[in-house]
Amino acid sequence: MTMIDTPDGIEAFRLLSIRGRLRLELLGMRFRINTFPVVKREFGFKGNNQKVFDQYEAMLKERGILK
């Protein structure tokens, strides 16, 4: 069992959870609240869903959260 108890760890987990949700939406899964507009608004990304996903992954790699 792993415990995430630092603010940086909690933020990294949140960002990775958003990435998983974006990936599921790209595959066709529907949620009550669409994640792409939220991510576009929060991070200022532009483009279609695939471009937003690519920009989001690049941002995670830049921050060192994703390898």
Protein backbone atom coordinates (compact mmCIF):
# COMPACT_ATOMS: atom_id res chain seq x y z
CA MET A 1 0.00 0.00 0.00
CA THR A 2 1.25 3.45 -0.91
CA MET A 3 0.28 6.61 0.90
CA ILE A 4 0.50 9.96 -0.81
CA ASP A 5 0.72 12.59 1.89
CA THR A 6 2.66 15.48 0.40
CA PRO A 7 1.05 18.36 -1.48
CA ASP A 8 3.22 17.62 -4.54
CA GLY A 9 2.25 13.95 -4.47
CA ILE A 10 -1.44 14.76 -4.16
CA GLU A 11 -1.24 17.19 -7.08
CA ALA A 12 0.62 14.62 -9.21
CA PHE A 13 -2.07 12.03 -8.44
CA ARG A 14 -4.79 14.50 -9.40
CA LEU A 15 -3.10 15.30 -12.70
CA LEU A 16 -2.60 11.61 -13.52
CA SER A 17 -6.25 10.91 -12.68
CA ILE A 18 -7.29 13.63 -15.13
CA ARG A 19 -5.03 12.01 -17.76
CA GLY A 20 -6.80 8.68 -17.27
CA ARG A 21 -10.17 10.32 -17.62
CA LEU A 22 -9.09 12.12 -20.81
CA ARG A 23 -7.86 8.83 -22.26
CA LEU A 24 -11.18 7.12 -21.51
CA GLU A 25 -13.09 9.98 -23.14
CA LEU A 26 -10.89 9.68 -26.24
CA LEU A 27 -11.87 6.00 -26.42
CA GLY A 28 -15.56 6.94 -26.31
CA MET A 29 -16.54 6.66 -22.65
CA ARG A 30 -19.01 9.32 -21.52
CA PHE A 31 -19.08 11.06 -18.15
CA ARG A 32 -21.63 13.45 -16.71
CA ILE A 33 -19.09 16.26 -16.90
CA ASN A 34 -16.90 16.29 -19.99
CA THR A 35 -13.26 16.59 -18.92
CA PHE A 36 -11.86 18.25 -22.05
CA PRO A 37 -13.52 21.68 -21.56
CA VAL A 38 -12.40 21.70 -17.93
CA VAL A 39 -8.80 20.94 -18.91
CA LYS A 40 -8.87 23.52 -21.70
CA ARG A 41 -10.09 26.18 -19.29
CA GLU A 42 -7.71 25.25 -16.45
CA PHE A 43 -4.53 24.91 -18.53
CA GLY A 44 -5.33 27.15 -21.51
CA PHE A 45 -5.00 24.44 -24.16
CA LYS A 46 -6.51 24.85 -27.62
CA GLY A 47 -7.56 22.39 -30.32
CA ASN A 48 -9.53 19.19 -30.68
CA ASN A 49 -9.60 16.44 -28.09
CA GLN A 50 -6.54 14.58 -29.42
CA LYS A 51 -4.47 17.78 -29.53
CA VAL A 52 -5.53 18.70 -25.99
CA PHE A 53 -4.58 15.21 -24.79
CA ASP A 54 -1.16 15.49 -26.47
CA GLN A 55 -0.59 18.94 -24.94
CA TYR A 56 -1.63 17.63 -21.53
CA GLU A 57 0.80 14.69 -21.73
CA ALA A 58 3.59 17.04 -22.83
CA MET A 59 2.85 19.24 -19.82
CA LEU A 60 3.02 16.22 -17.50
CA LYS A 61 6.37 15.18 -19.00
CA GLU A 62 7.67 18.74 -18.66
CA ARG A 63 6.74 18.76 -14.97
CA GLY A 64 8.40 15.38 -14.45
CA ILE A 65 5.17 13.62 -13.50
CA LEU A 66 5.11 11.40 -16.58
CA LYS A 67 8.11 9.77 -18.21
